[in-house]
């Protein structure tokens, strides 16, 4: 049974070969389109560094996961802060304790 990376590489290879082979090299005055020969595409694809490609894919996936996690944490924090600040007594206590400190910093004390 193929592992995930082998299946992924197979899918990427098939997709790239299809997309590249359908790419037009010459499209001049409605002349017939010239496509890249399939044997050249296979040879070019065989020289690719598959480990490097997988590393790049992994890095992009990791970055996307990290952004998603950070986004969710920021949303939760904002929601919690709004919930806390809707309580009048809590908000007033916060102002009474924090505002004097802010004024000291603003005045250079």
C-alpha atoms as a PDB file:
ATOM      1  CA  UNK A   1       0.000   0.000   0.000  1.00  0.00           C
ATOM      2  CA  UNK A   2       1.318   3.423  -0.923  1.00  0.00           C
ATOM      3  CA  UNK A   3       1.993   5.861   1.859  1.00  0.00           C
ATOM      4  CA  UNK A   4       0.638   9.393   1.878  1.00  0.00           C
ATOM      5  CA  UNK A   5       3.756  10.997   0.418  1.00  0.00           C
ATOM      6  CA  UNK A   6       3.855   8.578  -2.516  1.00  0.00           C
ATOM      7  CA  UNK A   7       0.173   9.178  -3.274  1.00  0.00           C
ATOM      8  CA  UNK A   8       0.677  12.931  -2.955  1.00  0.00           C
ATOM      9  CA  UNK A   9       3.676  12.920  -5.296  1.00  0.00           C
ATOM     10  CA  UNK A  10       1.772  10.788  -7.816  1.00  0.00           C
ATOM     11  CA  UNK A  11      -1.156  13.180  -7.780  1.00  0.00           C
ATOM     12  CA  UNK A  12       1.089  16.246  -8.045  1.00  0.00           C
ATOM     13  CA  UNK A  13       3.041  14.671 -10.892  1.00  0.00           C
ATOM     14  CA  UNK A  14      -0.087  13.755 -12.862  1.00  0.00           C
ATOM     15  CA  UNK A  15      -1.583  17.209 -12.361  1.00  0.00           C
ATOM     16  CA  UNK A  16       1.607  19.040 -13.327  1.00  0.00           C
ATOM     17  CA  UNK A  17       2.155  16.890 -16.399  1.00  0.00           C
ATOM     18  CA  UNK A  18      -1.401  17.519 -17.547  1.00  0.00           C
ATOM     19  CA  UNK A  19      -1.214  21.267 -16.943  1.00  0.00           C
ATOM     20  CA  UNK A  20       2.207  21.655 -18.567  1.00  0.00           C
ATOM     21  CA  UNK A  21       1.322  19.535 -21.579  1.00  0.00           C
ATOM     22  CA  UNK A  22      -1.742  21.689 -22.205  1.00  0.00           C
ATOM     23  CA  UNK A  23       0.308  24.904 -22.039  1.00  0.00           C
ATOM     24  CA  UNK A  24       0.692  26.650 -25.375  1.00  0.00           C
ATOM     25  CA  UNK A  25       4.143  27.687 -26.482  1.00  0.00           C
ATOM     26  CA  UNK A  26       3.096  29.534 -29.626  1.00  0.00           C
ATOM     27  CA  UNK A  27      -0.222  31.212 -30.189  1.00  0.00           C
ATOM     28  CA  UNK A  28       0.446  33.527 -33.094  1.00  0.00           C
ATOM     29  CA  UNK A  29      -2.358  34.838 -35.277  1.00  0.00           C
ATOM     30  CA  UNK A  30      -4.665  31.921 -34.594  1.00  0.00           C
ATOM     31  CA  UNK A  31      -2.065  29.390 -35.697  1.00  0.00           C
ATOM     32  CA  UNK A  32      -2.279  25.850 -34.294  1.00  0.00           C
ATOM     33  CA  UNK A  33      -1.079  25.608 -30.718  1.00  0.00           C
ATOM     34  CA  UNK A  34       2.174  23.768 -30.114  1.00  0.00           C
ATOM     35  CA  UNK A  35       2.311  21.684 -26.952  1.00  0.00           C
ATOM     36  CA  UNK A  36       5.336  20.404 -25.093  1.00  0.00           C
ATOM     37  CA  UNK A  37       6.093  16.803 -26.078  1.00  0.00           C
ATOM     38  CA  UNK A  38       5.154  14.284 -23.395  1.00  0.00           C
ATOM     39  CA  UNK A  39       8.594  12.602 -23.339  1.00  0.00           C
ATOM     40  CA  UNK A  40      10.291  15.934 -22.582  1.00  0.00           C
ATOM     41  CA  UNK A  41       7.844  16.552 -19.752  1.00  0.00           C
ATOM     42  CA  UNK A  42       8.481  13.107 -18.269  1.00  0.00           C
ATOM     43  CA  UNK A  43      12.249  13.602 -18.471  1.00  0.00           C
ATOM     44  CA  UNK A  44      12.001  17.062 -16.891  1.00  0.00           C
ATOM     45  CA  UNK A  45       9.746  15.774 -14.126  1.00  0.00           C
ATOM     46  CA  UNK A  46      12.120  12.871 -13.411  1.00  0.00           C
ATOM     47  CA  UNK A  47      14.884  15.365 -12.588  1.00  0.00           C
ATOM     48  CA  UNK A  48      12.846  17.201  -9.936  1.00  0.00           C
ATOM     49  CA  UNK A  49      13.992  16.957  -6.331  1.00  0.00           C
ATOM     50  CA  UNK A  50      10.894  15.337  -4.840  1.00  0.00           C
ATOM     51  CA  UNK A  51      12.203  15.587  -1.270  1.00  0.00           C
ATOM     52  CA  UNK A  52      12.649  19.346  -1.697  1.00  0.00           C
ATOM     53  CA  UNK A  53       9.125  19.666  -3.119  1.00  0.00           C
ATOM     54  CA  UNK A  54       7.680  17.705  -0.192  1.00  0.00           C
ATOM     55  CA  UNK A  55       9.637  19.879   2.250  1.00  0.00           C
ATOM     56  CA  UNK A  56       8.193  23.012   0.637  1.00  0.00           C
ATOM     57  CA  UNK A  57       4.675  21.549   0.798  1.00  0.00           C
ATOM     58  CA  UNK A  58       5.180  20.605   4.456  1.00  0.00           C
ATOM     59  CA  UNK A  59       6.416  24.109   5.310  1.00  0.00           C
ATOM     60  CA  UNK A  60       3.398  25.722   3.663  1.00  0.00           C
ATOM     61  CA  UNK A  61       1.002  23.361   5.429  1.00  0.00           C
ATOM     62  CA  UNK A  62       2.705  23.996   8.784  1.00  0.00           C
ATOM     63  CA  UNK A  63       2.527  27.756   8.231  1.00  0.00           C
ATOM     64  CA  UNK A  64      -1.170  27.543   7.348  1.00  0.00           C
ATOM     65  CA  UNK A  65      -1.892  25.431  10.442  1.00  0.00           C
ATOM     66  CA  UNK A  66       0.019  27.903  12.629  1.00  0.00           C
ATOM     67  CA  UNK A  67      -1.929  30.854  11.165  1.00  0.00           C
ATOM     68  CA  UNK A  68      -5.210  29.038  11.791  1.00  0.00           C
ATOM     69  CA  UNK A  69      -4.292  28.269  15.407  1.00  0.00           C
ATOM     70  CA  UNK A  70      -3.170  31.864  16.069  1.00  0.00           C
ATOM     71  CA  UNK A  71      -6.345  33.211  14.448  1.00  0.00           C
ATOM     72  CA  UNK A  72      -8.528  31.025  16.631  1.00  0.00           C
ATOM     73  CA  UNK A  73      -6.606  32.010  19.772  1.00  0.00           C
ATOM     74  CA  UNK A  74      -6.973  35.700  18.929  1.00  0.00           C
ATOM     75  CA  UNK A  75     -10.696  35.242  18.353  1.00  0.00           C
ATOM     76  CA  UNK A  76     -11.100  33.422  21.676  1.00  0.00           C
ATOM     77  CA  UNK A  77      -9.103  36.113  23.494  1.00  0.00           C
ATOM     78  CA  UNK A  78     -11.186  38.889  21.941  1.00  0.00           C
ATOM     79  CA  UNK A  79     -14.404  37.070  22.828  1.00  0.00           C
ATOM     80  CA  UNK A  80     -13.261  36.496  26.417  1.00  0.00           C
ATOM     81  CA  UNK A  81     -12.179  40.135  26.766  1.00  0.00           C
ATOM     82  CA  UNK A  82     -15.530  41.394  25.471  1.00  0.00           C
ATOM     83  CA  UNK A  83     -17.361  39.082  27.842  1.00  0.00           C
ATOM     84  CA  UNK A  84     -15.302  40.287  30.824  1.00  0.00           C
ATOM     85  CA  UNK A  85     -15.660  43.944  29.886  1.00  0.00           C
ATOM     86  CA  UNK A  86     -19.456  43.747  29.543  1.00  0.00           C
ATOM     87  CA  UNK A  87     -19.737  43.430  33.322  1.00  0.00           C
ATOM     88  CA  UNK A  88     -19.980  47.015  34.583  1.00  0.00           C
ATOM     89  CA  UNK A  89     -18.418  46.323  37.995  1.00  0.00           C
ATOM     90  CA  UNK A  90     -15.450  44.445  36.507  1.00  0.00           C
ATOM     91  CA  UNK A  91     -14.912  47.173  33.916  1.00  0.00           C
ATOM     92  CA  UNK A  92     -15.009  49.870  36.601  1.00  0.00           C
ATOM     93  CA  UNK A  93     -12.519  47.966  38.797  1.00  0.00           C
ATOM     94  CA  UNK A  94     -10.249  47.601  35.793  1.00  0.00           C
ATOM     95  CA  UNK A  95     -10.412  51.340  35.107  1.00  0.00           C
ATOM     96  CA  UNK A  96      -9.727  52.198  38.741  1.00  0.00           C
ATOM     97  CA  UNK A  97      -6.590  50.046  38.810  1.00  0.00           C
ATOM     98  CA  UNK A  98      -5.197  50.482  35.306  1.00  0.00           C
ATOM     99  CA  UNK A  99      -5.905  54.121  34.461  1.00  0.00           C
ATOM    100  CA  UNK A 100      -3.686  55.551  37.248  1.00  0.00           C
ATOM    101  CA  UNK A 101      -0.833  53.364  36.008  1.00  0.00           C
ATOM    102  CA  UNK A 102      -1.359  54.546  32.429  1.00  0.00           C
ATOM    103  CA  UNK A 103      -1.337  58.189  33.568  1.00  0.00           C
ATOM    104  CA  UNK A 104       1.950  57.657  35.481  1.00  0.00           C
ATOM    105  CA  UNK A 105       3.573  56.205  32.378  1.00  0.00           C
ATOM    106  CA  UNK A 106       2.146  58.987  30.182  1.00  0.00           C
ATOM    107  CA  UNK A 107       3.528  61.619  32.571  1.00  0.00           C
ATOM    108  CA  UNK A 108       6.950  59.978  32.644  1.00  0.00           C
ATOM    109  CA  UNK A 109       6.822  58.974  36.295  1.00  0.00           C
END
